[in-house]
């Protein structure tokens, strides 16, 4: 399977989680799902940033799983990315549902059913919000791959297939045959 662009830098994943938190807040504030229109402006500024932070925390919680998947294999592939995404979405669903039940509508007699919450609220939100995670992960991975490719040295040979392109870390010895 073809390698998928991957950047293991924790700093870059923290930036992705920050972007995710901001995007979730903006999305929820602008579209007002979850009966947000019933909240006062002060309540919106309390609950909606917390949803954004929960999204970021869910992403950060999943990063150790991410690194465990990477340790098992030497290359990161699209299948690994799909596994990570599935784990992230399950964790996010459980935590977002718990936050909805125990914080947002605590004590309310009729919260949304699990099926309605999943099909009408969570998954449409995921389809709108998740591209930020996907694009951020892909872009940081591409950037890292380009940086690694730029650091390689090229030793040209006389024929068409006699050239060598190698990373500095892989180079042991260069000796002229003259």
Foldseek 3Di string as FASTA:
>chain_A
DDFAQADLDPVLLLVLLVVLLVVQLVVCVVPVPPVNVVDDPVVSVVPSSVLSNLLSVLSVVLSVVLVVVCVVDVGHHPVSVVVSVVSSLVSSLVVVVCCCDCPVQDPPPDHPDSVCCVPPPSVVSCVVRVVSSVVSRRVVSVVVVVVQQVQWDKDDDDDPPPIDTGHPVPDDDDDDPD
